[in-house]
Amino acid sequence: MFADRLIDATRRLGPLCVGVDPHAGRIPELFGGDTPAGIAAWGMSMVDMAKGRVAVVKPQAALFERHGPEGMAALQAVTARARDAGLLVLMDAKRGDIGSTAEGYASAYLEEGSPFPSDCLTVNPYMGLDTLEPYLSRAEKNGKGVAVLTRTSNPGSADFQALNCGNTPLWAQVANALAPASERLMGSSGWSSLMLVAGATGPAEARVLRELAPEALFLVPGYGAQGAGVDEALAGFVDGPHGLEGGVVSASRSVSFPAAAQTASSFAEWQAAIADAIDTAQADLKAATQA
């Protein structure tokens, strides 16, 4: 099961998840700049730098899709490189649609032999539980994970997610409704392959989510460039055999585009800058989990 593989790897390597987000205008000319070939070379190099340092990488599908078919070919190359490196691939695609369309998305990312082989996929639950079934069924069959948007990290998340629904905010209603799915994807580790997206910018909500969903792994965006610190990022984690555990903390811009990498004049300088950014974030998180 995805949950068992993830929790074992994070216990060894720490909870940092490296985002592979090829933002427009940020891909160094060392790799060919913001072109399909450039994002492929950059993305595979990011994977190489993550190997042995972290358990999980999280490609952002939209930033590959903007380059059309060639961009999606680059995404294929990056996911293949990550799997060859022994990294878990958490695809950030935030899919959400009616069942028949969801079947297509689920096949593209979570089916065995799919074109974009991923260990876990982010999905949007706000069209209803039936729209999650194609993902859940493939996760159950293929040992994959599903990361459901619950309380996200963006400033506008409160517009809808915090709405009062029977004296309970909508994000809490979503968490409660997902309890059967969490049990359905339970691993032998005691953690479920049903993940909840719990933004680091809402630590109080993350603590409530942990009470509502004690067995769900958390995907925690918002650490680093979005302003949340280590304590906020780990607010929903709990004590485990080797310290705090309970999911992964995603960092993208802070580890993919540090200033030293942006100004690097050689590949070796770029490698050193990325290694330092990843190692610094990982050490920050690991120190907090083991304090």
C-alpha atoms as a PDB file:
ATOM      1  CA  MET A   1       0.000   0.000   0.000  1.00  0.00           C
ATOM      2  CA  PHE A   2       1.072   3.572  -0.724  1.00  0.00           C
ATOM      3  CA  ALA A   3       0.679   4.560   2.946  1.00  0.00           C
ATOM      4  CA  ASP A   4       3.059   1.844   4.110  1.00  0.00           C
ATOM      5  CA  ARG A   5       5.701   2.780   1.541  1.00  0.00           C
ATOM      6  CA  LEU A   6       5.405   6.475   2.352  1.00  0.00           C
ATOM      7  CA  ILE A   7       5.539   6.157   6.130  1.00  0.00           C
ATOM      8  CA  ASP A   8       8.501   3.778   5.953  1.00  0.00           C
ATOM      9  CA  ALA A   9      10.396   6.146   3.668  1.00  0.00           C
ATOM     10  CA  THR A  10       9.617   9.273   5.701  1.00  0.00           C
ATOM     11  CA  ARG A  11      10.720   7.556   8.894  1.00  0.00           C
ATOM     12  CA  ARG A  12      14.089   7.014   7.218  1.00  0.00           C
ATOM     13  CA  LEU A  13      14.462  10.228   5.249  1.00  0.00           C
ATOM     14  CA  GLY A  14      12.161  12.768   6.876  1.00  0.00           C
ATOM     15  CA  PRO A  15       8.856  14.319   5.774  1.00  0.00           C
ATOM     16  CA  LEU A  16      10.024  16.737   3.053  1.00  0.00           C
ATOM     17  CA  CYS A  17       8.292  16.400  -0.325  1.00  0.00           C
ATOM     18  CA  VAL A  18      10.081  18.198  -3.165  1.00  0.00           C
ATOM     19  CA  GLY A  19       7.804  19.978  -5.605  1.00  0.00           C
ATOM     20  CA  VAL A  20       8.824  19.780  -9.256  1.00  0.00           C
ATOM     21  CA  ASP A  21       7.031  22.867 -10.549  1.00  0.00           C
ATOM     22  CA  PRO A  22       8.469  24.294 -13.798  1.00  0.00           C
ATOM     23  CA  HIS A  23       7.222  27.858 -13.392  1.00  0.00           C
ATOM     24  CA  ALA A  24       7.297  30.082 -16.445  1.00  0.00           C
ATOM     25  CA  GLY A  25      10.407  32.211 -16.616  1.00  0.00           C
ATOM     26  CA  ARG A  26      12.259  30.361 -13.869  1.00  0.00           C
ATOM     27  CA  ILE A  27      13.911  27.475 -15.693  1.00  0.00           C
ATOM     28  CA  PRO A  28      17.626  28.337 -15.977  1.00  0.00           C
ATOM     29  CA  GLU A  29      19.141  28.677 -19.407  1.00  0.00           C
ATOM     30  CA  LEU A  30      21.563  25.956 -18.302  1.00  0.00           C
ATOM     31  CA  PHE A  31      18.753  23.529 -19.108  1.00  0.00           C
ATOM     32  CA  GLY A  32      17.325  25.270 -22.159  1.00  0.00           C
ATOM     33  CA  GLY A  33      14.999  27.732 -20.436  1.00  0.00           C
ATOM     34  CA  ASP A  34      11.212  27.597 -20.437  1.00  0.00           C
ATOM     35  CA  THR A  35      10.822  25.132 -23.310  1.00  0.00           C
ATOM     36  CA  PRO A  36       9.610  21.515 -23.373  1.00  0.00           C
ATOM     37  CA  ALA A  37      13.193  20.295 -23.615  1.00  0.00           C
ATOM     38  CA  GLY A  38      14.241  22.705 -20.873  1.00  0.00           C
ATOM     39  CA  ILE A  39      11.567  21.672 -18.386  1.00  0.00           C
ATOM     40  CA  ALA A  40      12.286  17.991 -19.087  1.00  0.00           C
ATOM     41  CA  ALA A  41      16.011  18.413 -18.454  1.00  0.00           C
ATOM     42  CA  TRP A  42      15.397  20.592 -15.389  1.00  0.00           C
ATOM     43  CA  GLY A  43      12.731  18.271 -13.968  1.00  0.00           C
ATOM     44  CA  MET A  44      14.863  15.170 -14.353  1.00  0.00           C
ATOM     45  CA  SER A  45      17.787  16.991 -12.739  1.00  0.00           C
ATOM     46  CA  MET A  46      15.545  17.970  -9.806  1.00  0.00           C
ATOM     47  CA  VAL A  47      14.636  14.306  -9.422  1.00  0.00           C
ATOM     48  CA  ASP A  48      18.312  13.370  -9.456  1.00  0.00           C
ATOM     49  CA  MET A  49      18.976  15.888  -6.678  1.00  0.00           C
ATOM     50  CA  ALA A  50      16.046  14.555  -4.616  1.00  0.00           C
ATOM     51  CA  LYS A  51      17.222  10.943  -4.889  1.00  0.00           C
ATOM     52  CA  GLY A  52      18.501   9.719  -1.542  1.00  0.00           C
ATOM     53  CA  ARG A  53      17.564  12.988   0.150  1.00  0.00           C
ATOM     54  CA  VAL A  54      13.760  12.729   0.299  1.00  0.00           C
ATOM     55  CA  ALA A  55      11.047  10.110  -0.027  1.00  0.00           C
ATOM     56  CA  VAL A  56       8.626  11.909  -2.322  1.00  0.00           C
ATOM     57  CA  VAL A  57       8.548  14.274  -5.284  1.00  0.00           C
ATOM     58  CA  LYS A  58       5.431  16.161  -6.366  1.00  0.00           C
ATOM     59  CA  PRO A  59       5.275  17.231 -10.023  1.00  0.00           C
ATOM     60  CA  GLN A  60       2.740  19.964 -10.790  1.00  0.00           C
ATOM     61  CA  ALA A  61       0.931  18.702 -13.897  1.00  0.00           C
ATOM     62  CA  ALA A  62      -0.434  22.110 -14.957  1.00  0.00           C
ATOM     63  CA  LEU A  63       3.016  23.587 -15.399  1.00  0.00           C
ATOM     64  CA  PHE A  64       3.900  20.790 -17.813  1.00  0.00           C
ATOM     65  CA  GLU A  65       0.503  20.861 -19.566  1.00  0.00           C
ATOM     66  CA  ARG A  66       0.984  24.499 -20.610  1.00  0.00           C
ATOM     67  CA  HIS A  67       3.585  23.286 -23.110  1.00  0.00           C
ATOM     68  CA  GLY A  68       1.112  20.989 -24.848  1.00  0.00           C
ATOM     69  CA  PRO A  69       2.014  17.452 -25.974  1.00  0.00           C
ATOM     70  CA  GLU A  70       5.724  18.115 -25.630  1.00  0.00           C
ATOM     71  CA  GLY A  71       5.170  19.301 -22.074  1.00  0.00           C
ATOM     72  CA  MET A  72       3.249  16.150 -21.224  1.00  0.00           C
ATOM     73  CA  ALA A  73       6.081  14.109 -22.725  1.00  0.00           C
ATOM     74  CA  ALA A  74       8.385  15.987 -20.348  1.00  0.00           C
ATOM     75  CA  LEU A  75       6.091  15.013 -17.454  1.00  0.00           C
ATOM     76  CA  GLN A  76       6.324  11.381 -18.561  1.00  0.00           C
ATOM     77  CA  ALA A  77      10.101  11.602 -18.559  1.00  0.00           C
ATOM     78  CA  VAL A  78      10.180  13.167 -15.096  1.00  0.00           C
ATOM     79  CA  THR A  79       7.840  10.568 -13.559  1.00  0.00           C
ATOM     80  CA  ALA A  80       9.817   7.733 -15.159  1.00  0.00           C
ATOM     81  CA  ARG A  81      13.060   9.185 -13.816  1.00  0.00           C
ATOM     82  CA  ALA A  82      11.565   9.464 -10.323  1.00  0.00           C
ATOM     83  CA  ARG A  83      10.324   5.890 -10.286  1.00  0.00           C
ATOM     84  CA  ASP A  84      13.708   4.638 -11.531  1.00  0.00           C
ATOM     85  CA  ALA A  85      15.289   6.587  -8.664  1.00  0.00           C
ATOM     86  CA  GLY A  86      13.083   4.830  -6.106  1.00  0.00           C
ATOM     87  CA  LEU A  87      11.144   7.987  -5.280  1.00  0.00           C
ATOM     88  CA  LEU A  88       7.419   8.055  -4.634  1.00  0.00           C
ATOM     89  CA  VAL A  89       5.555  10.214  -7.160  1.00  0.00           C
ATOM     90  CA  LEU A  90       2.724  12.327  -5.765  1.00  0.00           C
ATOM     91  CA  MET A  91       1.116  13.862  -8.848  1.00  0.00           C
ATOM     92  CA  ASP A  92      -0.376  17.273  -8.174  1.00  0.00           C
ATOM     93  CA  ALA A  93      -3.167  17.461 -10.775  1.00  0.00           C
ATOM     94  CA  LYS A  94      -6.203  18.260  -8.575  1.00  0.00           C
ATOM     95  CA  ARG A  95      -8.596  16.338 -10.797  1.00  0.00           C
ATOM     96  CA  GLY A  96     -12.317  16.518 -10.097  1.00  0.00           C
ATOM     97  CA  ASP A  97     -15.217  15.709 -12.404  1.00  0.00           C
ATOM     98  CA  ILE A  98     -18.203  13.386 -12.810  1.00  0.00           C
ATOM     99  CA  GLY A  99     -17.622   9.654 -12.708  1.00  0.00           C
ATOM    100  CA  SER A 100     -17.134   8.891 -16.394  1.00  0.00           C
ATOM    101  CA  THR A 101     -14.583  11.689 -16.804  1.00  0.00           C
ATOM    102  CA  ALA A 102     -12.911  10.780 -13.522  1.00  0.00           C
ATOM    103  CA  GLU A 103     -12.434   7.285 -14.921  1.00  0.00           C
ATOM    104  CA  GLY A 104     -10.217   8.777 -17.605  1.00  0.00           C
ATOM    105  CA  TYR A 105      -8.184  10.811 -15.157  1.00  0.00           C
ATOM    106  CA  ALA A 106      -7.780   7.835 -12.826  1.00  0.00           C
ATOM    107  CA  SER A 107      -6.622   5.636 -15.698  1.00  0.00           C
ATOM    108  CA  ALA A 108      -4.062   8.236 -16.767  1.00  0.00           C
ATOM    109  CA  TYR A 109      -2.384   8.433 -13.362  1.00  0.00           C
ATOM    110  CA  LEU A 110      -3.275   5.504 -11.094  1.00  0.00           C
ATOM    111  CA  GLU A 111      -3.693   2.510 -13.389  1.00  0.00           C
ATOM    112  CA  GLU A 112      -0.904  -0.006 -13.847  1.00  0.00           C
ATOM    113  CA  GLY A 113       0.864   0.819 -17.102  1.00  0.00           C
ATOM    114  CA  SER A 114      -0.599   4.332 -17.205  1.00  0.00           C
ATOM    115  CA  PRO A 115       1.165   7.029 -19.262  1.00  0.00           C
ATOM    116  CA  PHE A 116       1.924   9.107 -16.158  1.00  0.00           C
ATOM    117  CA  PRO A 117       2.559   6.445 -13.504  1.00  0.00           C
ATOM    118  CA  SER A 118       1.987   7.982 -10.081  1.00  0.00           C
ATOM    119  CA  ASP A 119       1.879   6.597  -6.567  1.00  0.00           C
ATOM    120  CA  CYS A 120      -0.712   9.145  -5.453  1.00  0.00           C
ATOM    121  CA  LEU A 121      -2.892  11.766  -7.127  1.00  0.00           C
ATOM    122  CA  THR A 122      -4.439  14.959  -5.739  1.00  0.00           C
ATOM    123  CA  VAL A 123      -8.201  15.204  -6.341  1.00  0.00           C
ATOM    124  CA  ASN A 124     -10.988  17.714  -5.696  1.00  0.00           C
ATOM    125  CA  PRO A 125     -13.993  16.337  -3.753  1.00  0.00           C
ATOM    126  CA  TYR A 126     -16.359  19.265  -4.165  1.00  0.00           C
ATOM    127  CA  MET A 127     -18.520  17.649  -6.869  1.00  0.00           C
ATOM    128  CA  GLY A 128     -19.425  14.832  -4.479  1.00  0.00           C
ATOM    129  CA  LEU A 129     -18.216  11.513  -3.149  1.00  0.00           C
ATOM    130  CA  ASP A 130     -19.275   9.621  -6.267  1.00  0.00           C
ATOM    131  CA  THR A 131     -16.667  11.528  -8.274  1.00  0.00           C
ATOM    132  CA  LEU A 132     -13.922  10.078  -6.036  1.00  0.00           C
ATOM    133  CA  GLU A 133     -14.860   6.452  -6.623  1.00  0.00           C
ATOM    134  CA  PRO A 134     -12.751   5.894  -9.791  1.00  0.00           C
ATOM    135  CA  TYR A 135      -9.659   7.039  -7.919  1.00  0.00           C
ATOM    136  CA  LEU A 136     -10.436   5.083  -4.779  1.00  0.00           C
ATOM    137  CA  SER A 137     -11.112   1.864  -6.669  1.00  0.00           C
ATOM    138  CA  ARG A 138      -7.786   2.071  -8.506  1.00  0.00           C
ATOM    139  CA  ALA A 139      -5.951   2.996  -5.332  1.00  0.00           C
ATOM    140  CA  GLU A 140      -7.465  -0.048  -3.647  1.00  0.00           C
ATOM    141  CA  LYS A 141      -6.657  -2.349  -6.564  1.00  0.00           C
ATOM    142  CA  ASN A 142      -3.169  -1.064  -7.329  1.00  0.00           C
ATOM    143  CA  GLY A 143      -1.845  -0.050  -3.911  1.00  0.00           C
ATOM    144  CA  LYS A 144      -1.951   3.653  -4.755  1.00  0.00           C
ATOM    145  CA  GLY A 145      -2.898   6.764  -2.796  1.00  0.00           C
ATOM    146  CA  VAL A 146      -5.477   9.526  -3.218  1.00  0.00           C
ATOM    147  CA  ALA A 147      -4.859  12.990  -1.740  1.00  0.00           C
ATOM    148  CA  VAL A 148      -8.139  14.857  -1.269  1.00  0.00           C
ATOM    149  CA  LEU A 149      -8.293  18.654  -1.078  1.00  0.00           C
ATOM    150  CA  THR A 150      -9.688  19.388   2.369  1.00  0.00           C
ATOM    151  CA  ARG A 151      -8.306  22.568   3.930  1.00  0.00           C
ATOM    152  CA  THR A 152      -5.956  24.108   1.386  1.00  0.00           C
ATOM    153  CA  SER A 153      -3.204  26.678   1.910  1.00  0.00           C
ATOM    154  CA  ASN A 154      -4.275  29.472  -0.470  1.00  0.00           C
ATOM    155  CA  PRO A 155      -5.650  32.750   0.965  1.00  0.00           C
ATOM    156  CA  GLY A 156      -9.068  32.254  -0.632  1.00  0.00           C
ATOM    157  CA  SER A 157      -9.589  28.774   0.805  1.00  0.00           C
ATOM    158  CA  ALA A 158     -11.889  30.206   3.473  1.00  0.00           C
ATOM    159  CA  ASP A 159     -14.318  31.543   0.839  1.00  0.00           C
ATOM    160  CA  PHE A 160     -15.982  28.139   0.630  1.00  0.00           C
ATOM    161  CA  GLN A 161     -14.076  25.658   2.781  1.00  0.00           C
ATOM    162  CA  ALA A 162     -14.790  27.558   5.999  1.00  0.00           C
ATOM    163  CA  LEU A 163     -18.525  28.004   5.382  1.00  0.00           C
ATOM    164  CA  ASN A 164     -20.694  26.940   8.312  1.00  0.00           C
ATOM    165  CA  CYS A 165     -22.501  23.691   7.513  1.00  0.00           C
ATOM    166  CA  GLY A 166     -24.553  22.597  10.499  1.00  0.00           C
ATOM    167  CA  ASN A 167     -22.205  24.227  13.034  1.00  0.00           C
ATOM    168  CA  THR A 168     -19.255  22.576  11.294  1.00  0.00           C
ATOM    169  CA  PRO A 169     -17.047  24.147   8.624  1.00  0.00           C
ATOM    170  CA  LEU A 170     -17.259  22.566   5.196  1.00  0.00           C
ATOM    171  CA  TRP A 171     -13.677  21.283   5.337  1.00  0.00           C
ATOM    172  CA  ALA A 172     -14.550  19.319   8.492  1.00  0.00           C
ATOM    173  CA  GLN A 173     -17.663  17.914   6.816  1.00  0.00           C
ATOM    174  CA  VAL A 174     -15.461  16.721   3.961  1.00  0.00           C
ATOM    175  CA  ALA A 175     -13.090  15.024   6.410  1.00  0.00           C
ATOM    176  CA  ASN A 176     -15.987  13.296   8.171  1.00  0.00           C
ATOM    177  CA  ALA A 177     -17.465  12.120   4.880  1.00  0.00           C
ATOM    178  CA  LEU A 178     -14.141  10.586   3.860  1.00  0.00           C
ATOM    179  CA  ALA A 179     -13.890   8.320   6.922  1.00  0.00           C
ATOM    180  CA  PRO A 180     -15.163   5.188   5.093  1.00  0.00           C
ATOM    181  CA  ALA A 181     -12.671   5.773   2.269  1.00  0.00           C
ATOM    182  CA  SER A 182      -9.876   6.164   4.794  1.00  0.00           C
ATOM    183  CA  GLU A 183     -10.753   2.823   6.356  1.00  0.00           C
ATOM    184  CA  ARG A 184     -11.024   1.227   2.935  1.00  0.00           C
ATOM    185  CA  LEU A 185      -7.433   2.198   2.059  1.00  0.00           C
ATOM    186  CA  MET A 186      -5.938   1.281   5.435  1.00  0.00           C
ATOM    187  CA  GLY A 187      -2.401  -0.069   5.342  1.00  0.00           C
ATOM    188  CA  SER A 188      -0.630  -2.493   7.645  1.00  0.00           C
ATOM    189  CA  SER A 189       1.289   0.443   9.139  1.00  0.00           C
ATOM    190  CA  GLY A 190      -1.908   1.814  10.685  1.00  0.00           C
ATOM    191  CA  TRP A 191      -1.926   4.713   8.240  1.00  0.00           C
ATOM    192  CA  SER A 192      -4.357   5.099   5.364  1.00  0.00           C
ATOM    193  CA  SER A 193      -3.504   5.722   1.704  1.00  0.00           C
ATOM    194  CA  LEU A 194      -6.361   8.245   1.738  1.00  0.00           C
ATOM    195  CA  MET A 195      -4.481  11.521   2.258  1.00  0.00           C
ATOM    196  CA  LEU A 196      -5.952  14.861   3.271  1.00  0.00           C
ATOM    197  CA  VAL A 197      -4.518  18.117   1.944  1.00  0.00           C
ATOM    198  CA  ALA A 198      -4.066  20.240   5.061  1.00  0.00           C
ATOM    199  CA  GLY A 199      -2.360  23.574   4.398  1.00  0.00           C
ATOM    200  CA  ALA A 200       0.430  24.683   6.703  1.00  0.00           C
ATOM    201  CA  THR A 201      -1.169  28.148   6.733  1.00  0.00           C
ATOM    202  CA  GLY A 202      -3.980  26.757   8.925  1.00  0.00           C
ATOM    203  CA  PRO A 203      -2.291  24.950  11.845  1.00  0.00           C
ATOM    204  CA  ALA A 204      -5.348  25.137  14.104  1.00  0.00           C
ATOM    205  CA  GLU A 205      -7.487  23.501  11.424  1.00  0.00           C
ATOM    206  CA  ALA A 206      -4.786  20.856  10.888  1.00  0.00           C
ATOM    207  CA  ARG A 207      -4.968  19.892  14.546  1.00  0.00           C
ATOM    208  CA  VAL A 208      -8.752  19.540  14.284  1.00  0.00           C
ATOM    209  CA  LEU A 209      -8.384  17.511  11.093  1.00  0.00           C
ATOM    210  CA  ARG A 210      -6.054  15.137  12.898  1.00  0.00           C
ATOM    211  CA  GLU A 211      -8.714  14.551  15.530  1.00  0.00           C
ATOM    212  CA  LEU A 212     -11.320  13.930  12.837  1.00  0.00           C
ATOM    213  CA  ALA A 213      -9.069  11.698  10.730  1.00  0.00           C
ATOM    214  CA  PRO A 214      -6.476  10.076  12.997  1.00  0.00           C
ATOM    215  CA  GLU A 215      -5.372   7.512  10.402  1.00  0.00           C
ATOM    216  CA  ALA A 216      -5.157   9.754   7.313  1.00  0.00           C
ATOM    217  CA  LEU A 217      -1.795  10.869   6.031  1.00  0.00           C
ATOM    218  CA  PHE A 218      -1.551  14.623   5.429  1.00  0.00           C
ATOM    219  CA  LEU A 219      -0.165  16.380   2.390  1.00  0.00           C
ATOM    220  CA  VAL A 220       0.899  19.762   3.759  1.00  0.00           C
ATOM    221  CA  PRO A 221       1.470  22.590   1.257  1.00  0.00           C
ATOM    222  CA  GLY A 222       2.283  26.153   2.274  1.00  0.00           C
ATOM    223  CA  TYR A 223       5.674  25.586   3.921  1.00  0.00           C
ATOM    224  CA  GLY A 224       8.495  27.866   2.801  1.00  0.00           C
ATOM    225  CA  ALA A 225       7.624  30.283   0.012  1.00  0.00           C
ATOM    226  CA  GLN A 226       3.961  30.565   1.086  1.00  0.00           C
ATOM    227  CA  GLY A 227       5.060  31.750   4.510  1.00  0.00           C
ATOM    228  CA  ALA A 228       4.399  28.905   6.943  1.00  0.00           C
ATOM    229  CA  GLY A 229       7.180  27.749   9.241  1.00  0.00           C
ATOM    230  CA  VAL A 230       8.090  24.311  10.473  1.00  0.00           C
ATOM    231  CA  ASP A 231       5.825  24.382  13.538  1.00  0.00           C
ATOM    232  CA  GLU A 232       2.792  25.279  11.434  1.00  0.00           C
ATOM    233  CA  ALA A 233       3.669  22.626   8.853  1.00  0.00           C
ATOM    234  CA  LEU A 234       3.862  19.879  11.468  1.00  0.00           C
ATOM    235  CA  ALA A 235       0.789  20.941  13.459  1.00  0.00           C
ATOM    236  CA  GLY A 236      -1.201  17.884  12.336  1.00  0.00           C
ATOM    237  CA  PHE A 237       1.579  15.342  12.893  1.00  0.00           C
ATOM    238  CA  VAL A 238       1.600  12.920  15.824  1.00  0.00           C
ATOM    239  CA  ASP A 239       4.151  10.923  17.801  1.00  0.00           C
ATOM    240  CA  GLY A 240       5.550   7.867  16.029  1.00  0.00           C
ATOM    241  CA  PRO A 241       8.389   5.392  16.605  1.00  0.00           C
ATOM    242  CA  HIS A 242      11.048   7.884  15.509  1.00  0.00           C
ATOM    243  CA  GLY A 243       9.404  11.226  16.279  1.00  0.00           C
ATOM    244  CA  LEU A 244       6.531  13.159  14.763  1.00  0.00           C
ATOM    245  CA  GLU A 245       4.966  11.599  11.664  1.00  0.00           C
ATOM    246  CA  GLY A 246       1.765  11.621   9.685  1.00  0.00           C
ATOM    247  CA  GLY A 247       2.421  12.706   6.124  1.00  0.00           C
ATOM    248  CA  VAL A 248       4.642  14.894   4.013  1.00  0.00           C
ATOM    249  CA  VAL A 249       5.396  18.600   3.922  1.00  0.00           C
ATOM    250  CA  SER A 250       5.662  20.002   0.423  1.00  0.00           C
ATOM    251  CA  ALA A 251       8.200  22.642  -0.558  1.00  0.00           C
ATOM    252  CA  SER A 252       8.425  23.787  -4.154  1.00  0.00           C
ATOM    253  CA  ARG A 253       9.786  27.242  -4.917  1.00  0.00           C
ATOM    254  CA  SER A 254      11.986  27.385  -1.820  1.00  0.00           C
ATOM    255  CA  VAL A 255      13.867  24.230  -2.813  1.00  0.00           C
ATOM    256  CA  SER A 256      13.521  24.344  -6.618  1.00  0.00           C
ATOM    257  CA  PHE A 257      14.384  27.987  -7.203  1.00  0.00           C
ATOM    258  CA  PRO A 258      16.690  29.270  -4.456  1.00  0.00           C
ATOM    259  CA  ALA A 259      18.513  32.451  -5.397  1.00  0.00           C
ATOM    260  CA  ALA A 260      21.859  30.686  -5.724  1.00  0.00           C
ATOM    261  CA  ALA A 261      20.394  28.255  -8.259  1.00  0.00           C
ATOM    262  CA  GLN A 262      18.885  31.054 -10.304  1.00  0.00           C
ATOM    263  CA  THR A 263      22.238  32.780 -10.662  1.00  0.00           C
ATOM    264  CA  ALA A 264      24.367  29.651 -11.104  1.00  0.00           C
ATOM    265  CA  SER A 265      26.786  29.861 -14.013  1.00  0.00           C
ATOM    266  CA  SER A 266      27.437  26.134 -14.245  1.00  0.00           C
ATOM    267  CA  PHE A 267      25.606  22.878 -13.718  1.00  0.00           C
ATOM    268  CA  ALA A 268      27.849  22.098 -10.749  1.00  0.00           C
ATOM    269  CA  GLU A 269      26.931  25.405  -9.104  1.00  0.00           C
ATOM    270  CA  TRP A 270      23.244  24.709  -9.719  1.00  0.00           C
ATOM    271  CA  GLN A 271      23.567  21.234  -8.200  1.00  0.00           C
ATOM    272  CA  ALA A 272      25.265  22.639  -5.115  1.00  0.00           C
ATOM    273  CA  ALA A 273      22.554  25.264  -4.649  1.00  0.00           C
ATOM    274  CA  ILE A 274      19.709  22.762  -4.986  1.00  0.00           C
ATOM    275  CA  ALA A 275      21.413  20.239  -2.701  1.00  0.00           C
ATOM    276  CA  ASP A 276      21.857  22.930  -0.056  1.00  0.00           C
ATOM    277  CA  ALA A 277      18.211  24.063  -0.335  1.00  0.00           C
ATOM    278  CA  ILE A 278      16.857  20.515  -0.035  1.00  0.00           C
ATOM    279  CA  ASP A 279      19.211  19.568   2.785  1.00  0.00           C
ATOM    280  CA  THR A 280      18.415  22.753   4.718  1.00  0.00           C
ATOM    281  CA  ALA A 281      14.649  22.232   4.483  1.00  0.00           C
ATOM    282  CA  GLN A 282      14.965  18.561   5.327  1.00  0.00           C
ATOM    283  CA  ALA A 283      17.178  19.276   8.342  1.00  0.00           C
ATOM    284  CA  ASP A 284      14.718  21.950   9.533  1.00  0.00           C
ATOM    285  CA  LEU A 285      11.811  19.504   9.398  1.00  0.00           C
ATOM    286  CA  LYS A 286      13.690  16.518  10.775  1.00  0.00           C
ATOM    287  CA  ALA A 287      14.969  18.524  13.740  1.00  0.00           C
ATOM    288  CA  ALA A 288      11.407  19.550  14.582  1.00  0.00           C
ATOM    289  CA  THR A 289      10.004  16.041  14.208  1.00  0.00           C
ATOM    290  CA  GLN A 290      12.656  14.604  16.525  1.00  0.00           C
ATOM    291  CA  ALA A 291      12.681  17.391  19.116  1.00  0.00           C
END
